[in-house]
Protein backbone atom coordinates (compact mmCIF):
# COMPACT_ATOMS: atom_id res chain seq x y z
CA UNK A 1 135.39 90.19 82.22
CA UNK A 2 135.38 90.52 78.45
CA UNK A 3 132.42 88.58 77.17
CA UNK A 4 128.70 88.55 77.67
CA UNK A 5 126.53 85.31 77.81
CA UNK A 6 123.48 85.97 75.96
CA UNK A 7 120.19 84.19 76.06
CA UNK A 8 117.09 84.64 73.92
CA UNK A 9 113.65 84.74 75.49
CA UNK A 10 110.30 85.16 73.50
CA UNK A 11 109.78 88.87 72.93
CA UNK A 12 113.25 89.87 74.57
CA UNK A 13 116.43 90.90 72.85
CA UNK A 14 119.49 91.62 74.83
CA UNK A 15 121.83 94.37 73.91
CA UNK A 16 125.33 93.93 75.23
CA UNK A 17 127.71 96.71 75.75
CA UNK A 18 131.24 95.21 76.27
CA UNK A 19 134.21 97.06 77.62
CA UNK A 20 137.64 95.97 79.04
CA UNK A 21 136.52 96.38 82.71
CA UNK A 22 132.67 95.79 82.74
CA UNK A 23 130.06 94.01 80.65
CA UNK A 24 126.41 95.27 81.11
CA UNK A 25 123.36 93.70 79.26
CA UNK A 26 120.23 95.98 78.79
CA UNK A 27 116.91 94.37 78.33
CA UNK A 28 113.68 95.94 76.82
CA UNK A 29 110.73 93.86 77.11
CA UNK A 30 106.95 93.81 76.25
CA UNK A 31 104.13 92.28 78.27
CA UNK A 32 100.93 91.96 76.66
CA UNK A 33 97.75 92.32 78.83
CA UNK A 34 94.98 92.15 76.43
CA UNK A 35 94.04 92.06 72.78
CA UNK A 36 91.15 91.92 70.52
CA UNK A 37 90.13 91.45 66.78
CA UNK A 38 86.77 92.53 65.51
CA UNK A 39 84.93 93.24 62.44
CA UNK A 40 85.26 95.21 60.19
CA UNK A 41 89.02 94.73 60.71
CA UNK A 42 90.02 96.28 64.01
CA UNK A 43 92.75 94.74 65.89
CA UNK A 44 94.07 96.33 69.25
CA UNK A 45 96.61 95.38 71.86
CA UNK A 46 97.16 96.79 75.47
CA UNK A 47 100.76 96.20 76.56
CA UNK A 48 103.58 97.56 78.72
CA UNK A 49 107.07 98.46 77.44
CA UNK A 50 109.86 98.73 79.99
CA UNK A 51 113.33 97.96 80.67
CA UNK A 52 114.60 94.90 82.64
CA UNK A 53 114.89 96.81 85.87
CA UNK A 54 111.16 97.82 85.68
CA UNK A 55 111.81 101.37 84.44
CA UNK A 56 108.99 102.39 82.07
CA UNK A 57 109.97 103.58 78.47
CA UNK A 58 107.23 106.42 77.97
CA UNK A 59 106.46 108.75 75.22
CA UNK A 60 106.46 106.34 72.33
CA UNK A 61 104.00 107.09 69.63
CA UNK A 62 102.41 104.92 66.96
CA UNK A 63 105.59 105.42 64.64
CA UNK A 64 107.62 103.73 67.38
CA UNK A 65 105.96 100.50 66.54
CA UNK A 66 106.22 98.16 63.46
CA UNK A 67 103.50 95.97 62.83
CA UNK A 68 103.88 92.44 61.01
CA UNK A 69 101.35 89.86 59.86
CA UNK A 70 102.74 86.53 59.34
CA UNK A 71 106.18 88.08 59.04
CA UNK A 72 105.31 90.61 56.37
CA UNK A 73 105.54 94.24 57.48
CA UNK A 74 102.23 96.21 57.26
CA UNK A 75 102.56 99.70 55.84
CA UNK A 76 101.44 102.34 58.52
CA UNK A 77 99.36 104.02 55.93
CA UNK A 78 97.48 100.92 55.20
CA UNK A 79 96.93 99.94 58.50
CA UNK A 80 96.23 103.64 60.09
CA UNK A 81 97.89 102.45 63.21
CA UNK A 82 97.32 104.68 66.27
CA UNK A 83 97.91 104.90 70.07
CA UNK A 84 94.47 105.30 71.76
CA UNK A 85 93.97 107.16 75.11
CA UNK A 86 93.96 104.20 77.47
CA UNK A 87 91.10 105.77 79.52
CA UNK A 88 88.67 104.26 76.78
CA UNK A 89 89.46 100.90 78.15
CA UNK A 90 91.29 101.22 81.42
CA UNK A 91 90.38 102.35 84.75
CA UNK A 92 93.04 102.59 87.93
CA UNK A 93 91.31 102.63 91.38
CA UNK A 94 93.79 103.39 94.42
CA UNK A 95 92.45 102.56 97.91
CA UNK A 96 94.51 104.33 100.70
CA UNK A 97 94.25 102.52 103.96
CA UNK A 98 95.36 104.45 107.10
CA UNK A 99 96.33 103.05 110.46
CA UNK A 100 94.11 105.04 112.94
CA UNK A 101 94.83 102.76 115.96
CA UNK A 102 95.71 104.39 119.50
CA UNK A 103 99.29 104.50 118.71
CA UNK A 104 98.72 107.07 115.89
CA UNK A 105 95.77 108.86 117.37
CA UNK A 106 97.47 109.32 120.78
CA UNK A 107 100.95 110.06 119.66
CA UNK A 108 100.07 113.08 117.57
CA UNK A 109 100.99 111.33 114.28
CA UNK A 110 97.54 111.48 112.72
CA UNK A 111 97.64 115.21 111.39
CA UNK A 112 101.06 114.55 109.84
CA UNK A 113 99.71 111.18 108.26
CA UNK A 114 96.53 112.82 106.86
CA UNK A 115 98.47 115.67 105.48
CA UNK A 116 100.76 113.17 103.62
CA UNK A 117 97.78 111.32 102.23
CA UNK A 118 96.16 114.60 101.07
CA UNK A 119 99.27 115.61 99.03
CA UNK A 120 99.27 111.97 97.74
CA UNK A 121 95.66 112.38 96.70
CA UNK A 122 96.33 115.80 95.11
CA UNK A 123 98.97 114.26 92.80
CA UNK A 124 97.21 110.97 92.00
CA UNK A 125 93.72 111.94 91.41
CA UNK A 126 94.88 113.59 88.31
CA UNK A 127 94.72 110.18 86.48
CA UNK A 128 93.22 107.80 89.02
CA UNK A 129 90.14 107.28 91.14
CA UNK A 130 91.08 107.41 94.92
CA UNK A 131 89.34 106.22 98.11
CA UNK A 132 90.48 106.56 101.65
CA UNK A 133 89.59 104.19 104.61
CA UNK A 134 91.03 103.96 107.94
CA UNK A 135 91.36 101.08 110.58
CA UNK A 136 91.91 100.41 114.29
CA UNK A 137 91.15 97.33 116.32
CA UNK A 138 87.63 97.08 114.98
CA UNK A 139 86.54 94.43 112.54
CA UNK A 140 85.50 96.54 109.62
CA UNK A 141 87.45 99.30 108.02
CA UNK A 142 86.17 102.94 108.27
CA UNK A 143 85.25 104.80 105.26
CA UNK A 144 86.69 108.35 104.83
CA UNK A 145 85.67 108.89 101.36
CA UNK A 146 84.50 106.67 98.41
CA UNK A 147 86.34 106.37 95.03
CA UNK A 148 86.54 109.86 93.59
CA UNK A 149 88.79 111.96 90.97
CA UNK A 150 88.23 115.04 93.18
CA UNK A 151 91.31 116.09 95.34
CA UNK A 152 88.88 118.64 97.12
CA UNK A 153 86.60 115.93 98.24
CA UNK A 154 89.41 113.74 99.39
CA UNK A 155 91.14 116.71 101.30
CA UNK A 156 87.82 117.29 102.95
CA UNK A 157 87.45 113.81 104.06
CA UNK A 158 91.02 113.58 105.48
CA UNK A 159 90.49 116.78 107.55
CA UNK A 160 87.73 115.13 109.21
CA UNK A 161 89.67 111.96 109.66
CA UNK A 162 92.53 113.79 111.42
CA UNK A 163 90.09 114.72 114.22
CA UNK A 164 89.06 111.23 114.96
CA UNK A 165 90.00 109.13 117.92
CA UNK A 166 90.46 105.30 117.90
CA UNK A 167 87.22 103.77 119.08
CA UNK A 168 89.38 100.36 119.54
CA UNK A 169 92.91 101.36 120.19
CA UNK A 170 94.19 97.84 118.91
CA UNK A 171 95.52 97.28 115.43
CA UNK A 172 93.65 95.02 113.07
CA UNK A 173 96.17 95.27 110.23
CA UNK A 174 95.55 91.88 108.63
CA UNK A 175 91.96 91.98 108.98
CA UNK A 176 91.88 95.54 107.34
CA UNK A 177 93.98 94.50 104.38
CA UNK A 178 91.54 91.58 103.78
CA UNK A 179 88.44 93.97 103.88
CA UNK A 180 90.38 96.37 101.79
CA UNK A 181 90.95 93.88 99.08
CA UNK A 182 87.34 92.77 99.05
CA UNK A 183 85.97 96.16 98.78
CA UNK A 184 88.55 97.18 95.92
CA UNK A 185 87.62 93.85 94.06
CA UNK A 186 83.90 94.68 94.28
CA UNK A 187 84.46 98.08 93.02
CA UNK A 188 86.51 96.97 90.05
CA UNK A 189 83.80 94.28 89.29
CA UNK A 190 81.36 97.22 88.41
CA UNK A 191 83.67 99.18 86.31
CA UNK A 192 82.53 99.96 82.80
CA UNK A 193 86.15 99.79 81.31
CA UNK A 194 87.17 96.17 80.62
CA UNK A 195 90.75 96.58 81.98
CA UNK A 196 91.09 97.44 85.65
CA UNK A 197 93.99 98.24 87.88
CA UNK A 198 93.32 98.01 91.67
CA UNK A 199 95.96 99.32 93.99
CA UNK A 200 95.98 99.39 97.88
CA UNK A 201 98.39 101.73 99.74
CA UNK A 202 98.52 100.93 103.30
CA UNK A 203 100.25 102.75 106.24
CA UNK A 204 100.74 101.38 109.57
CA UNK A 205 103.18 101.99 112.51
CA UNK A 206 102.72 98.56 114.08
CA UNK A 207 102.01 94.89 113.89
CA UNK A 208 98.64 93.36 113.93
CA UNK A 209 97.62 93.06 117.63
CA UNK A 210 93.86 92.33 117.15
CA UNK A 211 94.39 88.73 115.84
CA UNK A 212 91.18 88.74 114.07
CA UNK A 213 92.87 87.27 110.86
CA UNK A 214 96.14 85.31 110.75
CA UNK A 215 98.89 86.75 108.66
CA UNK A 216 99.01 83.83 106.26
CA UNK A 217 95.29 84.29 105.51
CA UNK A 218 95.83 87.79 104.72
CA UNK A 219 98.88 87.28 102.68
CA UNK A 220 97.04 84.56 100.66
CA UNK A 221 94.22 87.00 100.10
CA UNK A 222 96.42 89.64 98.59
CA UNK A 223 98.47 87.19 96.48
CA UNK A 224 95.22 85.97 94.94
CA UNK A 225 93.55 89.11 94.52
CA UNK A 226 95.49 90.45 91.48
CA UNK A 227 95.87 93.73 93.16
CA UNK A 228 98.97 96.03 93.42
CA UNK A 229 99.82 96.52 97.18
CA UNK A 230 102.34 99.20 98.54
CA UNK A 231 103.02 98.99 102.23
CA UNK A 232 104.45 102.10 104.24
CA UNK A 233 105.73 101.25 107.64
CA UNK A 234 107.02 103.52 110.32
CA UNK A 235 109.06 102.81 113.33
CA UNK A 236 110.95 99.83 114.63
CA UNK A 237 107.88 97.47 115.24
CA UNK A 238 107.23 96.71 111.55
CA UNK A 239 110.57 94.92 110.14
CA UNK A 240 111.46 95.33 106.58
CA UNK A 241 110.67 91.55 106.10
CA UNK A 242 107.14 91.93 107.23
CA UNK A 243 106.66 95.20 104.94
CA UNK A 244 108.00 93.32 102.08
CA UNK A 245 105.58 90.46 102.60
CA UNK A 246 102.69 92.69 102.70
CA UNK A 247 104.02 95.21 99.83
CA UNK A 248 103.60 92.83 96.79
CA UNK A 249 104.40 95.67 94.54
CA UNK A 250 106.75 97.66 96.68
CA UNK A 251 107.20 98.99 100.56
CA UNK A 252 108.88 102.08 102.07
CA UNK A 253 110.29 101.67 105.67
CA UNK A 254 110.28 105.24 107.35
CA UNK A 255 112.11 105.75 110.67
CA UNK A 256 109.90 108.42 112.02
CA UNK A 257 106.82 110.62 111.15
CA UNK A 258 109.09 113.24 109.51
CA UNK A 259 109.44 110.85 106.60
CA UNK A 260 105.77 110.00 105.88
CA UNK A 261 105.25 112.68 103.47
CA UNK A 262 108.22 111.65 101.42
CA UNK A 263 107.20 107.99 101.62
CA UNK A 264 103.77 108.75 100.16
CA UNK A 265 105.31 110.86 97.47
CA UNK A 266 107.93 108.14 96.65
CA UNK A 267 104.70 105.77 96.18
CA UNK A 268 102.85 108.28 94.10
CA UNK A 269 106.01 108.65 91.78
CA UNK A 270 106.19 104.90 91.35
CA UNK A 271 102.62 104.57 90.32
CA UNK A 272 102.64 107.46 88.07
CA UNK A 273 105.87 106.16 86.30
CA UNK A 274 104.56 102.68 86.03
CA UNK A 275 101.33 103.85 84.47
CA UNK A 276 103.23 105.45 81.65
CA UNK A 277 104.73 102.23 80.26
CA UNK A 278 101.24 101.04 79.17
CA UNK A 279 100.20 101.55 75.55
CA UNK A 280 96.94 100.85 73.68
CA UNK A 281 97.85 100.41 70.02
CA UNK A 282 94.95 99.96 67.43
CA UNK A 283 95.39 99.27 63.63
CA UNK A 284 93.23 98.22 60.72
CA UNK A 285 94.38 94.72 59.43
CA UNK A 286 94.53 94.07 55.66
CA UNK A 287 93.82 90.27 56.14
CA UNK A 288 90.26 89.23 55.05
CA UNK A 289 90.17 85.68 56.27
CA UNK A 290 92.04 82.93 58.11
CA UNK A 291 94.37 82.83 61.22
CA UNK A 292 97.21 85.16 61.34
CA UNK A 293 100.22 85.77 63.68
CA UNK A 294 100.59 89.61 64.57
CA UNK A 295 103.96 90.73 65.84
CA UNK A 296 104.29 94.13 67.17
CA UNK A 297 108.03 95.42 67.32
CA UNK A 298 109.89 98.37 68.72
CA UNK A 299 113.28 99.54 69.12
CA UNK A 300 114.29 102.29 71.55
CA UNK A 301 117.82 103.57 72.34
CA UNK A 302 119.44 100.54 70.90
CA UNK A 303 117.08 98.07 72.63
CA UNK A 304 114.51 96.01 70.80
CA UNK A 305 111.69 93.82 71.73
CA UNK A 306 108.23 92.47 70.41
CA UNK A 307 104.98 90.95 71.33
CA UNK A 308 102.90 88.53 69.35
CA UNK A 309 99.09 87.67 69.12
CA UNK A 310 97.22 85.25 66.84
CA UNK A 311 93.82 86.43 65.61
CA UNK A 312 91.20 85.20 63.24
CA UNK A 313 90.34 87.58 60.19
CA UNK A 314 87.28 85.56 58.91
CA UNK A 315 84.68 88.17 57.54
CA UNK A 316 87.08 91.17 57.85
CA UNK A 317 86.53 93.91 55.27
CA UNK A 318 86.68 97.65 54.57
CA UNK A 319 85.61 100.79 56.51
CA UNK A 320 87.76 100.05 59.73
CA UNK A 321 88.18 102.91 62.15
CA UNK A 322 91.13 102.47 64.23
CA UNK A 323 90.05 104.88 66.83
CA UNK A 324 87.08 102.75 67.83
CA UNK A 325 86.92 101.54 71.23
CA UNK A 326 88.60 98.00 71.43
CA UNK A 327 86.26 95.00 72.47
CA UNK A 328 88.83 93.67 75.25
CA UNK A 329 87.91 90.83 77.57
CA UNK A 330 87.50 91.97 81.11
CA UNK A 331 90.53 91.35 83.34
CA UNK A 332 92.56 92.84 86.08
CA UNK A 333 95.99 94.36 85.54
CA UNK A 334 98.94 93.76 87.90
CA UNK A 335 102.14 95.64 87.85
CA UNK A 336 105.27 93.77 87.04
CA UNK A 337 107.17 92.73 90.07
CA UNK A 338 110.53 93.58 88.27
CA UNK A 339 109.82 97.18 89.09
CA UNK A 340 109.19 96.60 92.73
CA UNK A 341 109.66 99.67 94.99
CA UNK A 342 112.00 99.16 97.99
CA UNK A 343 113.14 102.09 99.96
CA UNK A 344 114.19 102.80 103.52
CA UNK A 345 113.91 106.55 104.70
CA UNK A 346 116.41 107.12 107.65
CA UNK A 347 116.57 110.33 109.62
CA UNK A 348 120.03 111.92 109.04
CA UNK A 349 122.34 111.95 111.92
CA UNK A 350 122.66 115.25 113.71
């Protein structure tokens, strides 16, 4: 192949590298999640910047972006453009849901599982709020610890959970996921920050045996929830197809308990990397009236892309502080499916 077929989408530019033997097209893209325009003349956008394969493009600063209004480049000195700490407007909750059915508690797997979840929490609580719940055959999920940013508190709760026995040895996997989604959505609805990420990380070694909730009902709940869902499965009972249906954002298949810690580590790595692709760009608009088309453009490593937003500048004036907290609309943020995590961890042959 010596040519490259190029298509153009809004906000996407394709850069094609052509050689005698191989042609490859690399895409950079923006995804706008929220925007605001408020007096005196504050404009802010929250967006993701990533490659076509879902890999993040981290470490960009305010100078990495060019701002245009109605096709005219705005001077960075005039706009005072800046990248704000997302924490002023964004919160990320992670609910870890652990299978504590009879097959886990009676097989000696629980200490390994809680140890892996502890290492996961040690890493994730640096940036996110983490809660841990367990499930067996009962209708409701069992609280280990509510949402916290303290790894010490999570570790203490998991230490206690490691000593528990299943009160109902069956596996209410479908029902537990529905309960976890409801609990997480309720927590997100009370957040002070307008932009909310919610993530469920579920571990199980078996299929739903309790039959309290049908699989299609559980899948519909997860699909409509707006939540990110990672599924970690162990053993032969949970097929990759079933894990893929549950893990909307990603899944990992582990062949035995020696791979559990690595599986949680892979999920932590993915969540951390995904969070680094989001930017909160704020600037002071020179417009003072009327409706205008804003375009933010970036070029990184030969790739380029842009994102657009229409805003009204009626009543705009001086004395703008770009570091002011944006007035974003409340909404949940879901990770792009293009970056989906799919890993199978096999035990090496002796």
